[in-house]
Amino acid sequence: MWTDLPPFLIFFVGAIAVAFTRGNVRRALLLLIPVLSGLVVYGLDEGVQWQVAILGYTLEPFRVDKLSILFGYLFSLAAFLGNLYALHLEEKEGASVQHVSAVLYAGSALGAVFAGDLISLFVFWELLAFTSVFLVWARKTERSYRTGVRYLVIHVLSGVLLLSGTLMLAHERGSIEFGHIGLVDGSLAGWVILVALGIKAAFPFFHGWLTDAYPESTA
């Protein structure tokens, strides 16, 4: 059934439709995509939906639990409100790039929410960086370009830290499951992953990119 689809897939496919439509059709799509995502989240059953074995490790790019369902609703709502606010961009130059980037960004965020392993999380993590940087560059000024480059470098670095921590964790525990990792067993992997998360979530002392990039970003 269509309700078994991962919500992030709706955004990724929807981004293609957004790229090839204009005017009121595109406006309707921008609002419809997150609504469909919310409906899909409502119909999801808990458990591992997608599972792939690669090189002795099990990837779970689509795992559903209570927490991912909660954030699935929240991110779908945030995408709806963001797209609603950005509808005025339709009449401006560069609207296609901004709309497509925003839809892909929301889809990547949902992908991270439903990732059941750290490698899948890494893939969506980096997609978040590469899709959102175009929202910084959309102003097409020298300042926004430089800000976007700094933003991209910092977020790619956080992804490299996440991948490094994942590889260390896989070596120590033989597992890449995205679950409880912990910091009390003397493992460096947990600390490296925490720093990566801290950068992405703009923890205190790691939030410089946020105050740098957000003022330059488009609506």
C-alpha atoms as a PDB file:
ATOM      1  CA  MET A   1       0.000   0.000   0.000  1.00  0.00           C
ATOM      2  CA  TRP A   2       1.053   3.602  -0.560  1.00  0.00           C
ATOM      3  CA  THR A   3       0.919   4.155   3.199  1.00  0.00           C
ATOM      4  CA  ASP A   4       3.875   1.776   3.539  1.00  0.00           C
ATOM      5  CA  LEU A   5       6.089   4.166   1.598  1.00  0.00           C
ATOM      6  CA  PRO A   6       8.783   6.041   3.506  1.00  0.00           C
ATOM      7  CA  PRO A   7       7.715   9.672   3.926  1.00  0.00           C
ATOM      8  CA  PHE A   8      11.050  10.936   2.635  1.00  0.00           C
ATOM      9  CA  LEU A   9      10.425   9.216  -0.711  1.00  0.00           C
ATOM     10  CA  ILE A  10       7.323  11.373  -1.183  1.00  0.00           C
ATOM     11  CA  PHE A  11       9.489  14.483  -0.876  1.00  0.00           C
ATOM     12  CA  PHE A  12      12.184  13.174  -3.223  1.00  0.00           C
ATOM     13  CA  VAL A  13       9.688  12.225  -5.931  1.00  0.00           C
ATOM     14  CA  GLY A  14       7.747  15.404  -5.250  1.00  0.00           C
ATOM     15  CA  ALA A  15      10.874  17.489  -5.817  1.00  0.00           C
ATOM     16  CA  ILE A  16      11.016  16.190  -9.396  1.00  0.00           C
ATOM     17  CA  ALA A  17       7.411  17.260  -9.966  1.00  0.00           C
ATOM     18  CA  VAL A  18       8.116  20.654  -8.396  1.00  0.00           C
ATOM     19  CA  ALA A  19      11.056  21.151 -10.758  1.00  0.00           C
ATOM     20  CA  PHE A  20       8.891  20.683 -13.858  1.00  0.00           C
ATOM     21  CA  THR A  21       5.809  22.658 -12.867  1.00  0.00           C
ATOM     22  CA  ARG A  22       5.087  26.347 -12.506  1.00  0.00           C
ATOM     23  CA  GLY A  23       2.523  28.750 -11.106  1.00  0.00           C
ATOM     24  CA  ASN A  24      -0.507  27.526  -9.215  1.00  0.00           C
ATOM     25  CA  VAL A  25       0.221  23.879 -10.020  1.00  0.00           C
ATOM     26  CA  ARG A  26       3.565  24.131  -8.273  1.00  0.00           C
ATOM     27  CA  ARG A  27       2.046  26.044  -5.369  1.00  0.00           C
ATOM     28  CA  ALA A  28      -0.481  23.253  -4.908  1.00  0.00           C
ATOM     29  CA  LEU A  29       2.255  20.610  -5.058  1.00  0.00           C
ATOM     30  CA  LEU A  30       4.333  22.406  -2.448  1.00  0.00           C
ATOM     31  CA  LEU A  31       1.443  22.175  -0.006  1.00  0.00           C
ATOM     32  CA  LEU A  32       0.288  18.712  -1.059  1.00  0.00           C
ATOM     33  CA  ILE A  33       3.652  16.977  -0.594  1.00  0.00           C
ATOM     34  CA  PRO A  34       3.939  17.534   3.193  1.00  0.00           C
ATOM     35  CA  VAL A  35       0.233  16.752   3.639  1.00  0.00           C
ATOM     36  CA  LEU A  36       0.725  13.388   1.918  1.00  0.00           C
ATOM     37  CA  SER A  37       3.792  12.817   4.069  1.00  0.00           C
ATOM     38  CA  GLY A  38       1.775  13.414   7.226  1.00  0.00           C
ATOM     39  CA  LEU A  39      -0.905  10.985   6.049  1.00  0.00           C
ATOM     40  CA  VAL A  40       1.722   8.343   5.316  1.00  0.00           C
ATOM     41  CA  VAL A  41       3.246   8.809   8.768  1.00  0.00           C
ATOM     42  CA  TYR A  42      -0.220   8.301  10.243  1.00  0.00           C
ATOM     43  CA  GLY A  43      -0.527   4.935   8.501  1.00  0.00           C
ATOM     44  CA  LEU A  44       2.901   3.575   9.442  1.00  0.00           C
ATOM     45  CA  ASP A  45       3.358   0.512  11.622  1.00  0.00           C
ATOM     46  CA  GLU A  46       6.296   0.273  13.995  1.00  0.00           C
ATOM     47  CA  GLY A  47       9.215  -1.930  13.006  1.00  0.00           C
ATOM     48  CA  VAL A  48      11.921  -2.215  10.367  1.00  0.00           C
ATOM     49  CA  GLN A  49      10.356  -1.575   6.965  1.00  0.00           C
ATOM     50  CA  TRP A  50      13.445  -1.720   4.741  1.00  0.00           C
ATOM     51  CA  GLN A  51      16.534  -3.818   5.472  1.00  0.00           C
ATOM     52  CA  VAL A  52      19.608  -4.466   3.316  1.00  0.00           C
ATOM     53  CA  ALA A  53      22.705  -6.543   4.133  1.00  0.00           C
ATOM     54  CA  ILE A  54      25.973  -5.092   2.795  1.00  0.00           C
ATOM     55  CA  LEU A  55      29.505  -6.267   3.626  1.00  0.00           C
ATOM     56  CA  GLY A  56      28.329  -8.088   6.717  1.00  0.00           C
ATOM     57  CA  TYR A  57      26.391  -5.130   8.107  1.00  0.00           C
ATOM     58  CA  THR A  58      22.647  -4.605   8.138  1.00  0.00           C
ATOM     59  CA  LEU A  59      21.403  -1.289   6.791  1.00  0.00           C
ATOM     60  CA  GLU A  60      17.969  -0.095   7.869  1.00  0.00           C
ATOM     61  CA  PRO A  61      17.190   3.005   5.798  1.00  0.00           C
ATOM     62  CA  PHE A  62      13.566   2.922   6.938  1.00  0.00           C
ATOM     63  CA  ARG A  63      12.808   2.007  10.547  1.00  0.00           C
ATOM     64  CA  VAL A  64       9.649   3.136  12.299  1.00  0.00           C
ATOM     65  CA  ASP A  65       9.292   3.676  16.045  1.00  0.00           C
ATOM     66  CA  LYS A  66       7.335   6.037  18.284  1.00  0.00           C
ATOM     67  CA  LEU A  67      10.031   8.727  18.233  1.00  0.00           C
ATOM     68  CA  SER A  68      10.436   8.692  14.459  1.00  0.00           C
ATOM     69  CA  ILE A  69       6.654   8.887  14.042  1.00  0.00           C
ATOM     70  CA  LEU A  70       6.543  11.943  16.319  1.00  0.00           C
ATOM     71  CA  PHE A  71       9.284  13.713  14.387  1.00  0.00           C
ATOM     72  CA  GLY A  72       7.734  12.565  11.125  1.00  0.00           C
ATOM     73  CA  TYR A  73       4.630  14.558  12.032  1.00  0.00           C
ATOM     74  CA  LEU A  74       6.657  17.547  13.221  1.00  0.00           C
ATOM     75  CA  PHE A  75       8.885  17.692  10.148  1.00  0.00           C
ATOM     76  CA  SER A  76       5.927  17.265   7.792  1.00  0.00           C
ATOM     77  CA  LEU A  77       4.185  20.151   9.560  1.00  0.00           C
ATOM     78  CA  ALA A  78       7.348  22.263   9.434  1.00  0.00           C
ATOM     79  CA  ALA A  79       7.681  21.554   5.707  1.00  0.00           C
ATOM     80  CA  PHE A  80       4.063  22.571   5.117  1.00  0.00           C
ATOM     81  CA  LEU A  81       4.491  25.850   6.996  1.00  0.00           C
ATOM     82  CA  GLY A  82       7.821  26.556   5.313  1.00  0.00           C
ATOM     83  CA  ASN A  83       6.407  25.927   1.849  1.00  0.00           C
ATOM     84  CA  LEU A  84       3.335  27.998   2.654  1.00  0.00           C
ATOM     85  CA  TYR A  85       5.533  30.911   3.682  1.00  0.00           C
ATOM     86  CA  ALA A  86       7.669  30.529   0.549  1.00  0.00           C
ATOM     87  CA  LEU A  87       4.806  30.532  -1.969  1.00  0.00           C
ATOM     88  CA  HIS A  88       5.512  34.178  -2.768  1.00  0.00           C
ATOM     89  CA  LEU A  89       8.850  33.150  -4.266  1.00  0.00           C
ATOM     90  CA  GLU A  90       7.009  31.710  -7.270  1.00  0.00           C
ATOM     91  CA  GLU A  91       7.015  35.120  -8.930  1.00  0.00           C
ATOM     92  CA  LYS A  92      10.733  35.690  -8.359  1.00  0.00           C
ATOM     93  CA  GLU A  93      13.828  34.677 -10.283  1.00  0.00           C
ATOM     94  CA  GLY A  94      15.389  31.434  -9.089  1.00  0.00           C
ATOM     95  CA  ALA A  95      12.157  30.123  -7.572  1.00  0.00           C
ATOM     96  CA  SER A  96      12.666  26.643  -9.017  1.00  0.00           C
ATOM     97  CA  VAL A  97      16.025  26.107  -7.341  1.00  0.00           C
ATOM     98  CA  GLN A  98      14.749  27.353  -4.005  1.00  0.00           C
ATOM     99  CA  HIS A  99      11.559  25.289  -4.035  1.00  0.00           C
ATOM    100  CA  VAL A 100      13.292  22.097  -5.155  1.00  0.00           C
ATOM    101  CA  SER A 101      16.058  22.579  -2.598  1.00  0.00           C
ATOM    102  CA  ALA A 102      13.545  23.143   0.190  1.00  0.00           C
ATOM    103  CA  VAL A 103      11.575  19.998  -0.698  1.00  0.00           C
ATOM    104  CA  LEU A 104      14.738  17.886  -0.932  1.00  0.00           C
ATOM    105  CA  TYR A 105      15.961  19.359   2.355  1.00  0.00           C
ATOM    106  CA  ALA A 106      12.730  18.381   4.111  1.00  0.00           C
ATOM    107  CA  GLY A 107      12.917  14.905   2.604  1.00  0.00           C
ATOM    108  CA  SER A 108      16.491  14.490   3.788  1.00  0.00           C
ATOM    109  CA  ALA A 109      15.487  15.528   7.304  1.00  0.00           C
ATOM    110  CA  LEU A 110      12.735  12.913   7.307  1.00  0.00           C
ATOM    111  CA  GLY A 111      15.204  10.350   6.011  1.00  0.00           C
ATOM    112  CA  ALA A 112      17.470  11.044   8.971  1.00  0.00           C
ATOM    113  CA  VAL A 113      14.512  10.672  11.327  1.00  0.00           C
ATOM    114  CA  PHE A 114      13.610   7.233   9.991  1.00  0.00           C
ATOM    115  CA  ALA A 115      17.177   5.931   9.555  1.00  0.00           C
ATOM    116  CA  GLY A 116      17.729   2.769  11.575  1.00  0.00           C
ATOM    117  CA  ASP A 117      21.492   2.579  11.149  1.00  0.00           C
ATOM    118  CA  LEU A 118      24.345   5.066  11.250  1.00  0.00           C
ATOM    119  CA  ILE A 119      25.384   4.640   7.609  1.00  0.00           C
ATOM    120  CA  SER A 120      21.882   5.493   6.392  1.00  0.00           C
ATOM    121  CA  LEU A 121      21.894   8.407   8.817  1.00  0.00           C
ATOM    122  CA  PHE A 122      25.208   9.583   7.325  1.00  0.00           C
ATOM    123  CA  VAL A 123      23.769   9.547   3.795  1.00  0.00           C
ATOM    124  CA  PHE A 124      20.757  11.646   4.775  1.00  0.00           C
ATOM    125  CA  TRP A 125      23.006  13.824   6.977  1.00  0.00           C
ATOM    126  CA  GLU A 126      25.125  14.816   3.986  1.00  0.00           C
ATOM    127  CA  LEU A 127      22.064  15.259   1.794  1.00  0.00           C
ATOM    128  CA  LEU A 128      20.831  17.791   4.337  1.00  0.00           C
ATOM    129  CA  ALA A 129      23.998  19.823   3.827  1.00  0.00           C
ATOM    130  CA  PHE A 130      24.063  19.687   0.036  1.00  0.00           C
ATOM    131  CA  THR A 131      20.363  20.465  -0.419  1.00  0.00           C
ATOM    132  CA  SER A 132      20.130  23.292   2.100  1.00  0.00           C
ATOM    133  CA  VAL A 133      23.221  25.212   0.976  1.00  0.00           C
ATOM    134  CA  PHE A 134      21.338  26.338  -2.138  1.00  0.00           C
ATOM    135  CA  LEU A 135      18.924  28.189   0.141  1.00  0.00           C
ATOM    136  CA  VAL A 136      21.893  30.214   1.371  1.00  0.00           C
ATOM    137  CA  TRP A 137      23.288  30.792  -2.111  1.00  0.00           C
ATOM    138  CA  ALA A 138      19.871  31.832  -3.452  1.00  0.00           C
ATOM    139  CA  ARG A 139      20.500  35.487  -2.613  1.00  0.00           C
ATOM    140  CA  LYS A 140      23.263  35.445  -5.258  1.00  0.00           C
ATOM    141  CA  THR A 141      25.511  37.858  -3.429  1.00  0.00           C
ATOM    142  CA  GLU A 142      29.207  37.547  -2.693  1.00  0.00           C
ATOM    143  CA  ARG A 143      28.458  37.450   1.008  1.00  0.00           C
ATOM    144  CA  SER A 144      25.852  34.694   0.686  1.00  0.00           C
ATOM    145  CA  TYR A 145      28.229  32.665  -1.496  1.00  0.00           C
ATOM    146  CA  ARG A 146      31.022  32.859   1.067  1.00  0.00           C
ATOM    147  CA  THR A 147      28.592  32.108   3.880  1.00  0.00           C
ATOM    148  CA  GLY A 148      27.260  29.105   1.975  1.00  0.00           C
ATOM    149  CA  VAL A 149      30.748  27.725   1.449  1.00  0.00           C
ATOM    150  CA  ARG A 150      31.492  28.010   5.169  1.00  0.00           C
ATOM    151  CA  TYR A 151      28.136  26.407   5.961  1.00  0.00           C
ATOM    152  CA  LEU A 152      28.816  23.515   3.598  1.00  0.00           C
ATOM    153  CA  VAL A 153      32.334  22.907   4.901  1.00  0.00           C
ATOM    154  CA  ILE A 154      31.161  22.799   8.521  1.00  0.00           C
ATOM    155  CA  HIS A 155      28.273  20.445   7.796  1.00  0.00           C
ATOM    156  CA  VAL A 156      30.351  18.137   5.630  1.00  0.00           C
ATOM    157  CA  LEU A 157      32.901  18.084   8.454  1.00  0.00           C
ATOM    158  CA  SER A 158      30.171  17.058  10.890  1.00  0.00           C
ATOM    159  CA  GLY A 159      29.274  14.260   8.485  1.00  0.00           C
ATOM    160  CA  VAL A 160      32.894  13.127   8.334  1.00  0.00           C
ATOM    161  CA  LEU A 161      32.939  13.030  12.139  1.00  0.00           C
ATOM    162  CA  LEU A 162      29.724  11.002  12.132  1.00  0.00           C
ATOM    163  CA  LEU A 163      31.182   8.540   9.641  1.00  0.00           C
ATOM    164  CA  SER A 164      34.428   8.307  11.621  1.00  0.00           C
ATOM    165  CA  GLY A 165      32.519   7.612  14.825  1.00  0.00           C
ATOM    166  CA  THR A 166      30.403   5.040  13.002  1.00  0.00           C
ATOM    167  CA  LEU A 167      33.467   3.177  11.730  1.00  0.00           C
ATOM    168  CA  MET A 168      35.007   3.190  15.201  1.00  0.00           C
ATOM    169  CA  LEU A 169      31.758   1.918  16.686  1.00  0.00           C
ATOM    170  CA  ALA A 170      31.524  -0.829  14.067  1.00  0.00           C
ATOM    171  CA  HIS A 171      35.084  -1.902  14.904  1.00  0.00           C
ATOM    172  CA  GLU A 172      34.391  -1.915  18.650  1.00  0.00           C
ATOM    173  CA  ARG A 173      30.929  -3.488  18.696  1.00  0.00           C
ATOM    174  CA  GLY A 174      30.442  -5.021  15.280  1.00  0.00           C
ATOM    175  CA  SER A 175      27.219  -3.055  14.829  1.00  0.00           C
ATOM    176  CA  ILE A 176      26.145   0.156  13.111  1.00  0.00           C
ATOM    177  CA  GLU A 177      22.650   0.253  14.611  1.00  0.00           C
ATOM    178  CA  PHE A 178      21.312   3.734  15.287  1.00  0.00           C
ATOM    179  CA  GLY A 179      20.321   3.248  18.909  1.00  0.00           C
ATOM    180  CA  HIS A 180      21.777   3.796  22.349  1.00  0.00           C
ATOM    181  CA  ILE A 181      25.510   4.450  22.019  1.00  0.00           C
ATOM    182  CA  GLY A 182      26.520   5.803  25.428  1.00  0.00           C
ATOM    183  CA  LEU A 183      29.546   7.725  26.673  1.00  0.00           C
ATOM    184  CA  VAL A 184      30.455   5.924  29.893  1.00  0.00           C
ATOM    185  CA  ASP A 185      32.281   2.870  28.586  1.00  0.00           C
ATOM    186  CA  GLY A 186      35.446   4.733  27.632  1.00  0.00           C
ATOM    187  CA  SER A 187      34.650   4.527  23.926  1.00  0.00           C
ATOM    188  CA  LEU A 188      35.925   7.371  21.766  1.00  0.00           C
ATOM    189  CA  ALA A 189      33.298   6.567  19.135  1.00  0.00           C
ATOM    190  CA  GLY A 190      30.447   7.866  21.281  1.00  0.00           C
ATOM    191  CA  TRP A 191      32.195  11.186  21.865  1.00  0.00           C
ATOM    192  CA  VAL A 192      33.010  11.658  18.180  1.00  0.00           C
ATOM    193  CA  ILE A 193      29.381  11.002  17.233  1.00  0.00           C
ATOM    194  CA  LEU A 194      28.215  13.388  19.973  1.00  0.00           C
ATOM    195  CA  VAL A 195      30.426  16.166  18.580  1.00  0.00           C
ATOM    196  CA  ALA A 196      29.016  15.507  15.104  1.00  0.00           C
ATOM    197  CA  LEU A 197      25.480  15.749  16.482  1.00  0.00           C
ATOM    198  CA  GLY A 198      26.444  18.865  18.425  1.00  0.00           C
ATOM    199  CA  ILE A 199      27.580  20.630  15.274  1.00  0.00           C
ATOM    200  CA  LYS A 200      24.463  19.639  13.358  1.00  0.00           C
ATOM    201  CA  ALA A 201      22.106  20.623  16.188  1.00  0.00           C
ATOM    202  CA  ALA A 202      23.993  23.869  16.919  1.00  0.00           C
ATOM    203  CA  PHE A 203      24.862  23.031  20.516  1.00  0.00           C
ATOM    204  CA  PRO A 204      26.426  25.914  22.505  1.00  0.00           C
ATOM    205  CA  PHE A 205      30.010  26.489  21.282  1.00  0.00           C
ATOM    206  CA  PHE A 206      29.131  24.630  18.057  1.00  0.00           C
ATOM    207  CA  HIS A 207      26.479  27.058  16.816  1.00  0.00           C
ATOM    208  CA  GLY A 208      28.579  29.590  14.908  1.00  0.00           C
ATOM    209  CA  TRP A 209      27.393  28.285  11.542  1.00  0.00           C
ATOM    210  CA  LEU A 210      23.765  28.986  12.500  1.00  0.00           C
ATOM    211  CA  THR A 211      24.215  32.674  13.270  1.00  0.00           C
ATOM    212  CA  ASP A 212      26.400  32.961  10.176  1.00  0.00           C
ATOM    213  CA  ALA A 213      24.144  31.233   7.641  1.00  0.00           C
ATOM    214  CA  TYR A 214      20.561  31.858   8.719  1.00  0.00           C
ATOM    215  CA  PRO A 215      20.577  35.657   8.191  1.00  0.00           C
ATOM    216  CA  GLU A 216      21.831  35.092   4.637  1.00  0.00           C
ATOM    217  CA  SER A 217      19.306  32.401   3.774  1.00  0.00           C
ATOM    218  CA  THR A 218      16.280  32.944   1.591  1.00  0.00           C
ATOM    219  CA  ALA A 219      12.666  32.524   2.660  1.00  0.00           C
END
